[in-house]
Each structure stands twice: as structure tokens, then as C-alpha cells.
Amino acid sequence: MNPILKLYRGYANEQELIVMGHVFKPTQIKDYDFQKKKLKNALSIMNMFQRKTQANADVYLKYGDAKIHTKTLKDGYFKFCIPLNKDENYGWIDYQVSIIHQGKTIISKESYIRPHKGNLGIISDIDDTFLISYTANSVKKFYYLLFKDVTNRKIFNDVVIHYQALSSAGREEKNQLNAFFYVSSSEWNLYRLIEKFAEIHRLPKAVFLLKDIKTSLMDFFIKRESHNHKFEKIKHILEFYPSLQ
């Protein structure tokens, strides 16, 4: 079996590109399957909290003719922060990252956004902002997370219309949408579920900035409700895009 290289959507401004992801140890545990129902969905969710991350793994970002190297942290997380070419395009742009395992190159691809020049960006929470999560009721929250698959999770009325309007606000060109950032205390473990939910409901394509990954079921059930990381991430976005409101 090969390690798993998981990438997330990145973002860029006029000078810098940031992309990130995780490396997991070889496993037979499959990624979240949104087609699972009830008990099978619960098993699929819990499996996402049992993957073991790979520390100190060599990771390579292909950028133009360059191959940029970094290593994963203790929790398997990595992030590239590199100078951006001045002639870089705008909008959503593909990027490629690789790892090498036993002489074999494993490649994964994702995309990052470089917002078209404008004056508006949007930062949104996720749980009980567009995804109904019952965060004030722990029992109900875990029940819906475990036993309601993503196709049966509910969204607040009129959120999609509202977010789509925000996405195009102030834009004359349909392909030049405002940048969206979804910042949440949900862990990176749930990235695939949240991403799929947003796709199903046609929410604006966005960068996800989530909480540190968890690697055990004990951590899953004993959830420490600290939201300080959201303040830091929002502060970072505001500083990263000083020209956006």
C-alpha cells in the first residue's frame, strides 16, 4: 500500500501562493463515502478519525519549472508559502504536489484561487451558518454527523441564493467571482464531507480553513471546543488581502 497525499484548496494574492495538505500512512481505510447510509455512514465518519498521519515526509510542489521541497509536521500537515510569479493568472488555478514512496512517485492535484482584482471578499463559518449542525446540542450534533449522510444533511433556507449573490457582488464578468473562505472549528478529517455538501447545494467554490486534524476516536468523541484558531485564520486572511473589504 502507498501513503495517501491529500491536498486542499489554496489561495494567492499579488505576491504569494499558499497551498497545504496532509500525508497519511498507508491504510485500507477509504475516504469518506457520501453514499453510505446510517450505520455505514457512522463507520465511514469514524474511519476518518482513525487514519494515521505521516510525520517528516518529504513533499514536493511543482511550480513552473521549479520543484520546491518541504516536510510534514508531526500531524502530517504541510504548507507551502512561496513567491508568486508576477505573470500568474487570476481565478482558480491548478497545482500539483508529489511524494516519493519506495522509489514510486505519488502525485495529487488541486486548485488555488488568485482573486480577480476587486474590492470584496467573503469569510463564512460553516456549522450552523450554512450547514445545520446543532452545535449547541452535543447529542444531536453527533447523531446527525454519524447517522445522517451528507445527502440528508440540511442547509438553511435562502443561504445558497444569498451566497451566490455575494459571490458575484460588484462583478460584471460572470467568471470573475469574489473569493470565498469557509473558516470552521470542524477538523480537517471532515473536509471531504463539507466539500461534498457545498458541491451538492451549489455553494460558491471556496477555500476551506479547518481545525487541526485528529487521529483517534477518543479525540473525536472528546471534542475540545476552542475557537481561537478561527480568529487567527480570519486575521491572516484580512492581512493577506489588504485591498479586499
C-alpha atoms as a PDB file:
ATOM      1  CA  MET A   1       0.000   0.000   0.000  1.00  0.00           C
ATOM      2  CA  ASN A   2       1.038   3.579  -0.635  1.00  0.00           C
ATOM      3  CA  PRO A   3       0.823   6.636   1.613  1.00  0.00           C
ATOM      4  CA  ILE A   4      -2.100   8.970   0.931  1.00  0.00           C
ATOM      5  CA  LEU A   5      -1.422  12.512  -0.222  1.00  0.00           C
ATOM      6  CA  LYS A   6      -4.395  14.768   0.493  1.00  0.00           C
ATOM      7  CA  LEU A   7      -4.460  18.319  -0.855  1.00  0.00           C
ATOM      8  CA  TYR A   8      -6.750  21.219  -0.027  1.00  0.00           C
ATOM      9  CA  ARG A   9      -7.669  24.321  -1.990  1.00  0.00           C
ATOM     10  CA  GLY A  10      -5.048  27.034  -1.723  1.00  0.00           C
ATOM     11  CA  TYR A  11      -5.002  30.781  -2.242  1.00  0.00           C
ATOM     12  CA  ALA A  12      -2.766  33.529  -3.564  1.00  0.00           C
ATOM     13  CA  ASN A  13      -2.542  37.306  -3.563  1.00  0.00           C
ATOM     14  CA  GLU A  14      -0.401  39.528  -5.796  1.00  0.00           C
ATOM     15  CA  GLN A  15       2.878  38.299  -4.300  1.00  0.00           C
ATOM     16  CA  GLU A  16       2.475  34.939  -2.546  1.00  0.00           C
ATOM     17  CA  LEU A  17       0.968  31.481  -3.028  1.00  0.00           C
ATOM     18  CA  ILE A  18      -0.150  29.265  -0.147  1.00  0.00           C
ATOM     19  CA  VAL A  19      -1.137  25.610  -0.616  1.00  0.00           C
ATOM     20  CA  MET A  20      -1.438  22.878   2.008  1.00  0.00           C
ATOM     21  CA  GLY A  21      -2.358  19.278   2.705  1.00  0.00           C
ATOM     22  CA  HIS A  22      -1.723  16.142   4.744  1.00  0.00           C
ATOM     23  CA  VAL A  23       0.235  12.943   4.237  1.00  0.00           C
ATOM     24  CA  PHE A  24      -1.245   9.768   5.757  1.00  0.00           C
ATOM     25  CA  LYS A  25       0.429   6.432   6.374  1.00  0.00           C
ATOM     26  CA  PRO A  26      -0.615   3.528   4.127  1.00  0.00           C
ATOM     27  CA  THR A  27      -4.058   2.290   5.134  1.00  0.00           C
ATOM     28  CA  GLN A  28      -7.036   0.311   3.901  1.00  0.00           C
ATOM     29  CA  ILE A  29      -9.382   2.954   5.305  1.00  0.00           C
ATOM     30  CA  LYS A  30     -11.184   4.623   2.406  1.00  0.00           C
ATOM     31  CA  ASP A  31     -12.042   8.301   2.104  1.00  0.00           C
ATOM     32  CA  TYR A  32     -15.479   9.486   3.185  1.00  0.00           C
ATOM     33  CA  ASP A  33     -18.155   7.839   1.050  1.00  0.00           C
ATOM     34  CA  PHE A  34     -21.173  10.115   0.796  1.00  0.00           C
ATOM     35  CA  GLN A  35     -23.305   7.205  -0.484  1.00  0.00           C
ATOM     36  CA  LYS A  36     -23.170   5.341   2.827  1.00  0.00           C
ATOM     37  CA  LYS A  37     -26.335   5.272   4.937  1.00  0.00           C
ATOM     38  CA  LYS A  38     -26.956   5.320   8.722  1.00  0.00           C
ATOM     39  CA  LEU A  39     -24.626   2.783  10.432  1.00  0.00           C
ATOM     40  CA  LYS A  40     -22.380   2.593   7.373  1.00  0.00           C
ATOM     41  CA  ASN A  41     -22.202   6.375   7.309  1.00  0.00           C
ATOM     42  CA  ALA A  42     -21.259   6.381  11.004  1.00  0.00           C
ATOM     43  CA  LEU A  43     -18.470   3.895  10.298  1.00  0.00           C
ATOM     44  CA  SER A  44     -17.266   5.995   7.374  1.00  0.00           C
ATOM     45  CA  ILE A  45     -17.163   9.111   9.584  1.00  0.00           C
ATOM     46  CA  MET A  46     -15.329   7.347  12.418  1.00  0.00           C
ATOM     47  CA  ASN A  47     -12.832   5.917   9.959  1.00  0.00           C
ATOM     48  CA  MET A  48     -11.850   9.467   9.069  1.00  0.00           C
ATOM     49  CA  PHE A  49     -10.638   9.891  12.654  1.00  0.00           C
ATOM     50  CA  GLN A  50      -8.532   6.726  12.638  1.00  0.00           C
ATOM     51  CA  ARG A  51      -6.157   7.488   9.797  1.00  0.00           C
ATOM     52  CA  LYS A  52      -2.571   7.820  10.957  1.00  0.00           C
ATOM     53  CA  THR A  53      -0.596  10.784   9.689  1.00  0.00           C
ATOM     54  CA  GLN A  54       2.972  10.633   8.391  1.00  0.00           C
ATOM     55  CA  ALA A  55       5.421  12.948  10.122  1.00  0.00           C
ATOM     56  CA  ASN A  56       8.619  14.228   8.494  1.00  0.00           C
ATOM     57  CA  ALA A  57       7.572  13.097   4.995  1.00  0.00           C
ATOM     58  CA  ASP A  58       9.229  14.751   2.010  1.00  0.00           C
ATOM     59  CA  VAL A  59       6.728  16.713  -0.080  1.00  0.00           C
ATOM     60  CA  TYR A  60       7.360  18.459  -3.402  1.00  0.00           C
ATOM     61  CA  LEU A  61       5.396  21.267  -5.058  1.00  0.00           C
ATOM     62  CA  LYS A  62       5.734  21.635  -8.819  1.00  0.00           C
ATOM     63  CA  TYR A  63       5.591  25.319  -9.678  1.00  0.00           C
ATOM     64  CA  GLY A  64       6.579  26.308 -13.198  1.00  0.00           C
ATOM     65  CA  ASP A  65       9.965  24.767 -13.860  1.00  0.00           C
ATOM     66  CA  ALA A  66      10.790  24.615 -10.142  1.00  0.00           C
ATOM     67  CA  LYS A  67      10.376  21.729  -7.708  1.00  0.00           C
ATOM     68  CA  ILE A  68      10.016  23.078  -4.165  1.00  0.00           C
ATOM     69  CA  HIS A  69      10.579  20.849  -1.141  1.00  0.00           C
ATOM     70  CA  THR A  70       9.137  20.816   2.369  1.00  0.00           C
ATOM     71  CA  LYS A  71       8.462  18.243   5.105  1.00  0.00           C
ATOM     72  CA  THR A  72       5.305  17.340   7.012  1.00  0.00           C
ATOM     73  CA  LEU A  73       4.871  18.304  10.653  1.00  0.00           C
ATOM     74  CA  LYS A  74       4.173  15.859  13.462  1.00  0.00           C
ATOM     75  CA  ASP A  75       0.484  15.696  12.495  1.00  0.00           C
ATOM     76  CA  GLY A  76       1.252  15.053   8.809  1.00  0.00           C
ATOM     77  CA  TYR A  77       0.359  18.611   7.803  1.00  0.00           C
ATOM     78  CA  PHE A  78       2.393  20.594   5.311  1.00  0.00           C
ATOM     79  CA  LYS A  79       2.133  24.064   3.831  1.00  0.00           C
ATOM     80  CA  PHE A  80       3.978  25.815   1.029  1.00  0.00           C
ATOM     81  CA  CYS A  81       4.292  29.614   1.145  1.00  0.00           C
ATOM     82  CA  ILE A  82       6.187  30.726  -1.953  1.00  0.00           C
ATOM     83  CA  PRO A  83       6.665  33.909  -4.010  1.00  0.00           C
ATOM     84  CA  LEU A  84       4.191  34.149  -6.863  1.00  0.00           C
ATOM     85  CA  ASN A  85       5.174  34.787 -10.452  1.00  0.00           C
ATOM     86  CA  LYS A  86       4.114  38.284 -11.467  1.00  0.00           C
ATOM     87  CA  ASP A  87       2.562  36.978 -14.690  1.00  0.00           C
ATOM     88  CA  GLU A  88       0.364  34.444 -12.843  1.00  0.00           C
ATOM     89  CA  ASN A  89      -3.270  34.192 -13.976  1.00  0.00           C
ATOM     90  CA  TYR A  90      -6.349  35.034 -11.924  1.00  0.00           C
ATOM     91  CA  GLY A  91      -9.238  32.824 -10.836  1.00  0.00           C
ATOM     92  CA  TRP A  92      -8.954  29.140  -9.924  1.00  0.00           C
ATOM     93  CA  ILE A  93      -5.616  27.635 -10.979  1.00  0.00           C
ATOM     94  CA  ASP A  94      -4.467  24.008 -10.754  1.00  0.00           C
ATOM     95  CA  TYR A  95      -1.407  22.975  -8.775  1.00  0.00           C
ATOM     96  CA  GLN A  96       0.439  19.674  -8.287  1.00  0.00           C
ATOM     97  CA  VAL A  97       2.193  18.137  -5.279  1.00  0.00           C
ATOM     98  CA  SER A  98       4.043  14.830  -5.024  1.00  0.00           C
ATOM     99  CA  ILE A  99       5.662  12.487  -2.528  1.00  0.00           C
ATOM    100  CA  ILE A 100       8.039   9.592  -3.151  1.00  0.00           C
ATOM    101  CA  HIS A 101       7.466   6.188  -1.547  1.00  0.00           C
ATOM    102  CA  GLN A 102       9.827   3.267  -2.137  1.00  0.00           C
ATOM    103  CA  GLY A 103      11.005   4.800  -5.387  1.00  0.00           C
ATOM    104  CA  LYS A 104       7.472   5.454  -6.634  1.00  0.00           C
ATOM    105  CA  THR A 105       6.198   8.998  -7.198  1.00  0.00           C
ATOM    106  CA  ILE A 106       2.683   9.674  -5.889  1.00  0.00           C
ATOM    107  CA  ILE A 107       1.050  12.771  -7.386  1.00  0.00           C
ATOM    108  CA  SER A 108      -2.028  14.684  -6.288  1.00  0.00           C
ATOM    109  CA  LYS A 109      -3.640  17.745  -7.865  1.00  0.00           C
ATOM    110  CA  GLU A 110      -5.864  20.518  -6.526  1.00  0.00           C
ATOM    111  CA  SER A 111      -6.503  24.182  -7.247  1.00  0.00           C
ATOM    112  CA  TYR A 112      -5.912  27.551  -5.632  1.00  0.00           C
ATOM    113  CA  ILE A 113      -7.611  30.893  -6.105  1.00  0.00           C
ATOM    114  CA  ARG A 114      -5.993  34.154  -7.027  1.00  0.00           C
ATOM    115  CA  PRO A 115      -8.899  36.602  -6.815  1.00  0.00           C
ATOM    116  CA  HIS A 116      -9.559  38.846  -9.758  1.00  0.00           C
ATOM    117  CA  LYS A 117      -8.913  42.462  -8.843  1.00  0.00           C
ATOM    118  CA  GLY A 118     -11.911  43.838  -6.988  1.00  0.00           C
ATOM    119  CA  ASN A 119     -12.898  45.148  -3.589  1.00  0.00           C
ATOM    120  CA  LEU A 120     -14.837  42.368  -1.885  1.00  0.00           C
ATOM    121  CA  GLY A 121     -14.011  39.037  -0.253  1.00  0.00           C
ATOM    122  CA  ILE A 122     -16.262  36.816   1.868  1.00  0.00           C
ATOM    123  CA  ILE A 123     -15.428  34.833   5.027  1.00  0.00           C
ATOM    124  CA  SER A 124     -18.071  32.467   6.362  1.00  0.00           C
ATOM    125  CA  ASP A 125     -18.376  29.971   9.185  1.00  0.00           C
ATOM    126  CA  ILE A 126     -19.785  26.530   8.313  1.00  0.00           C
ATOM    127  CA  ASP A 127     -21.597  24.815  11.206  1.00  0.00           C
ATOM    128  CA  ASP A 128     -24.988  26.403  11.876  1.00  0.00           C
ATOM    129  CA  THR A 129     -24.139  29.103   9.336  1.00  0.00           C
ATOM    130  CA  PHE A 130     -24.980  27.211   6.165  1.00  0.00           C
ATOM    131  CA  LEU A 131     -24.770  23.572   7.338  1.00  0.00           C
ATOM    132  CA  ILE A 132     -27.352  22.833  10.058  1.00  0.00           C
ATOM    133  CA  SER A 133     -25.184  21.105  12.693  1.00  0.00           C
ATOM    134  CA  TYR A 134     -26.913  21.556  16.072  1.00  0.00           C
ATOM    135  CA  THR A 135     -23.650  22.635  17.704  1.00  0.00           C
ATOM    136  CA  ALA A 136     -25.489  23.782  20.857  1.00  0.00           C
ATOM    137  CA  ASN A 137     -26.707  20.215  21.477  1.00  0.00           C
ATOM    138  CA  SER A 138     -23.842  17.703  21.633  1.00  0.00           C
ATOM    139  CA  VAL A 139     -26.041  14.605  21.456  1.00  0.00           C
ATOM    140  CA  LYS A 140     -27.997  15.857  18.462  1.00  0.00           C
ATOM    141  CA  LYS A 141     -24.812  17.137  16.802  1.00  0.00           C
ATOM    142  CA  PHE A 142     -23.120  13.722  16.953  1.00  0.00           C
ATOM    143  CA  TYR A 143     -26.295  11.922  15.911  1.00  0.00           C
ATOM    144  CA  TYR A 144     -26.622  13.977  12.726  1.00  0.00           C
ATOM    145  CA  LEU A 145     -22.919  13.744  11.973  1.00  0.00           C
ATOM    146  CA  LEU A 146     -22.841   9.970  12.383  1.00  0.00           C
ATOM    147  CA  PHE A 147     -26.206   8.783  11.120  1.00  0.00           C
ATOM    148  CA  LYS A 148     -27.227  11.361   8.524  1.00  0.00           C
ATOM    149  CA  ASP A 149     -25.217  11.044   5.332  1.00  0.00           C
ATOM    150  CA  VAL A 150     -24.243  14.207   3.515  1.00  0.00           C
ATOM    151  CA  THR A 151     -27.179  13.984   1.074  1.00  0.00           C
ATOM    152  CA  ASN A 152     -29.587  14.086   4.043  1.00  0.00           C
ATOM    153  CA  ARG A 153     -27.938  16.959   5.878  1.00  0.00           C
ATOM    154  CA  LYS A 154     -29.904  20.214   5.727  1.00  0.00           C
ATOM    155  CA  ILE A 155     -28.951  23.733   4.715  1.00  0.00           C
ATOM    156  CA  PHE A 156     -30.578  26.941   5.972  1.00  0.00           C
ATOM    157  CA  ASN A 157     -33.227  28.457   3.737  1.00  0.00           C
ATOM    158  CA  ASP A 158     -32.039  31.048   1.226  1.00  0.00           C
ATOM    159  CA  VAL A 159     -28.340  30.594   2.097  1.00  0.00           C
ATOM    160  CA  VAL A 160     -27.466  29.456  -1.422  1.00  0.00           C
ATOM    161  CA  ILE A 161     -29.183  32.439  -3.066  1.00  0.00           C
ATOM    162  CA  HIS A 162     -27.544  34.795  -0.586  1.00  0.00           C
ATOM    163  CA  TYR A 163     -24.045  33.327  -1.004  1.00  0.00           C
ATOM    164  CA  GLN A 164     -24.294  33.236  -4.784  1.00  0.00           C
ATOM    165  CA  ALA A 165     -25.290  36.891  -4.727  1.00  0.00           C
ATOM    166  CA  LEU A 166     -22.287  37.699  -2.528  1.00  0.00           C
ATOM    167  CA  SER A 167     -20.068  35.720  -4.885  1.00  0.00           C
ATOM    168  CA  SER A 168     -20.999  37.909  -7.858  1.00  0.00           C
ATOM    169  CA  ALA A 169     -21.474  41.220  -5.977  1.00  0.00           C
ATOM    170  CA  GLY A 170     -19.712  44.083  -7.746  1.00  0.00           C
ATOM    171  CA  ARG A 171     -18.670  41.841 -10.642  1.00  0.00           C
ATOM    172  CA  GLU A 172     -19.656  42.460 -14.232  1.00  0.00           C
ATOM    173  CA  GLU A 173     -17.920  39.375 -15.636  1.00  0.00           C
ATOM    174  CA  LYS A 174     -19.586  36.069 -14.693  1.00  0.00           C
ATOM    175  CA  ASN A 175     -16.248  34.265 -14.484  1.00  0.00           C
ATOM    176  CA  GLN A 176     -14.706  36.847 -12.150  1.00  0.00           C
ATOM    177  CA  LEU A 177     -16.277  35.890  -8.833  1.00  0.00           C
ATOM    178  CA  ASN A 178     -15.323  37.126  -5.373  1.00  0.00           C
ATOM    179  CA  ALA A 179     -13.106  34.923  -3.228  1.00  0.00           C
ATOM    180  CA  PHE A 180     -14.874  32.842  -0.562  1.00  0.00           C
ATOM    181  CA  PHE A 181     -13.269  31.413   2.578  1.00  0.00           C
ATOM    182  CA  TYR A 182     -15.042  28.895   4.825  1.00  0.00           C
ATOM    183  CA  VAL A 183     -13.435  29.015   8.292  1.00  0.00           C
ATOM    184  CA  SER A 184     -14.586  26.419  10.804  1.00  0.00           C
ATOM    185  CA  SER A 185     -13.814  24.516  14.001  1.00  0.00           C
ATOM    186  CA  SER A 186     -14.601  21.301  12.147  1.00  0.00           C
ATOM    187  CA  GLU A 187     -11.407  19.279  11.789  1.00  0.00           C
ATOM    188  CA  TRP A 188      -9.584  18.546   8.528  1.00  0.00           C
ATOM    189  CA  ASN A 189     -10.908  14.983   8.957  1.00  0.00           C
ATOM    190  CA  LEU A 190     -14.305  16.225   7.761  1.00  0.00           C
ATOM    191  CA  TYR A 191     -13.000  18.103   4.725  1.00  0.00           C
ATOM    192  CA  ARG A 192     -14.449  15.666   2.180  1.00  0.00           C
ATOM    193  CA  LEU A 193     -17.894  15.701   3.821  1.00  0.00           C
ATOM    194  CA  ILE A 194     -18.064  19.502   3.932  1.00  0.00           C
ATOM    195  CA  GLU A 195     -16.697  19.862   0.413  1.00  0.00           C
ATOM    196  CA  LYS A 196     -19.305  17.423  -0.914  1.00  0.00           C
ATOM    197  CA  PHE A 197     -22.116  19.187   0.964  1.00  0.00           C
ATOM    198  CA  ALA A 198     -21.097  22.516  -0.590  1.00  0.00           C
ATOM    199  CA  GLU A 199     -20.992  20.915  -4.054  1.00  0.00           C
ATOM    200  CA  ILE A 200     -24.438  19.320  -3.659  1.00  0.00           C
ATOM    201  CA  HIS A 201     -26.009  22.649  -2.698  1.00  0.00           C
ATOM    202  CA  ARG A 202     -24.045  24.655  -5.290  1.00  0.00           C
ATOM    203  CA  LEU A 203     -22.475  26.967  -2.774  1.00  0.00           C
ATOM    204  CA  PRO A 204     -19.673  29.155  -4.150  1.00  0.00           C
ATOM    205  CA  LYS A 205     -16.380  27.317  -4.596  1.00  0.00           C
ATOM    206  CA  ALA A 206     -14.240  28.301  -1.628  1.00  0.00           C
ATOM    207  CA  VAL A 207     -11.028  27.806   0.285  1.00  0.00           C
ATOM    208  CA  PHE A 208     -11.565  25.742   3.464  1.00  0.00           C
ATOM    209  CA  LEU A 209      -9.573  26.586   6.592  1.00  0.00           C
ATOM    210  CA  LEU A 210     -10.342  23.998   9.250  1.00  0.00           C
ATOM    211  CA  LYS A 211      -9.078  22.887  12.652  1.00  0.00           C
ATOM    212  CA  ASP A 212      -6.067  20.643  13.304  1.00  0.00           C
ATOM    213  CA  ILE A 213      -6.621  17.046  12.289  1.00  0.00           C
ATOM    214  CA  LYS A 214      -7.475  14.351  14.843  1.00  0.00           C
ATOM    215  CA  THR A 215      -6.171  10.796  14.643  1.00  0.00           C
ATOM    216  CA  SER A 216      -8.138   8.819  17.220  1.00  0.00           C
ATOM    217  CA  LEU A 217     -11.744   8.037  18.055  1.00  0.00           C
ATOM    218  CA  MET A 218     -11.145   9.269  21.614  1.00  0.00           C
ATOM    219  CA  ASP A 219     -10.300  12.718  20.274  1.00  0.00           C
ATOM    220  CA  PHE A 220     -13.390  12.534  18.061  1.00  0.00           C
ATOM    221  CA  PHE A 221     -15.798  11.958  20.958  1.00  0.00           C
ATOM    222  CA  ILE A 222     -13.968  14.205  23.423  1.00  0.00           C
ATOM    223  CA  LYS A 223     -14.057  17.369  21.365  1.00  0.00           C
ATOM    224  CA  ARG A 224     -12.335  20.394  22.885  1.00  0.00           C
ATOM    225  CA  GLU A 225     -14.402  23.415  21.891  1.00  0.00           C
ATOM    226  CA  SER A 226     -11.750  26.083  21.385  1.00  0.00           C
ATOM    227  CA  HIS A 227     -12.400  28.514  18.555  1.00  0.00           C
ATOM    228  CA  ASN A 228      -9.272  30.663  18.924  1.00  0.00           C
ATOM    229  CA  HIS A 229      -7.870  29.266  15.686  1.00  0.00           C
ATOM    230  CA  LYS A 230     -10.749  30.870  13.763  1.00  0.00           C
ATOM    231  CA  PHE A 231      -9.712  34.324  14.964  1.00  0.00           C
ATOM    232  CA  GLU A 232      -6.135  33.662  13.837  1.00  0.00           C
ATOM    233  CA  LYS A 233      -7.210  32.372  10.424  1.00  0.00           C
ATOM    234  CA  ILE A 234      -9.586  35.284   9.821  1.00  0.00           C
ATOM    235  CA  LYS A 235      -6.873  37.736  10.910  1.00  0.00           C
ATOM    236  CA  HIS A 236      -4.481  36.066   8.462  1.00  0.00           C
ATOM    237  CA  ILE A 237      -6.952  36.358   5.552  1.00  0.00           C
ATOM    238  CA  LEU A 238      -7.528  40.063   6.264  1.00  0.00           C
ATOM    239  CA  GLU A 239      -3.786  40.692   6.352  1.00  0.00           C
ATOM    240  CA  PHE A 240      -3.162  38.560   3.266  1.00  0.00           C
ATOM    241  CA  TYR A 241      -5.702  40.537   1.224  1.00  0.00           C
ATOM    242  CA  PRO A 242      -5.346  44.135   2.478  1.00  0.00           C
ATOM    243  CA  SER A 243      -7.140  45.579  -0.568  1.00  0.00           C
ATOM    244  CA  LEU A 244     -10.302  43.492  -0.068  1.00  0.00           C
ATOM    245  CA  GLN A 245     -13.170  44.525   2.154  1.00  0.00           C
END
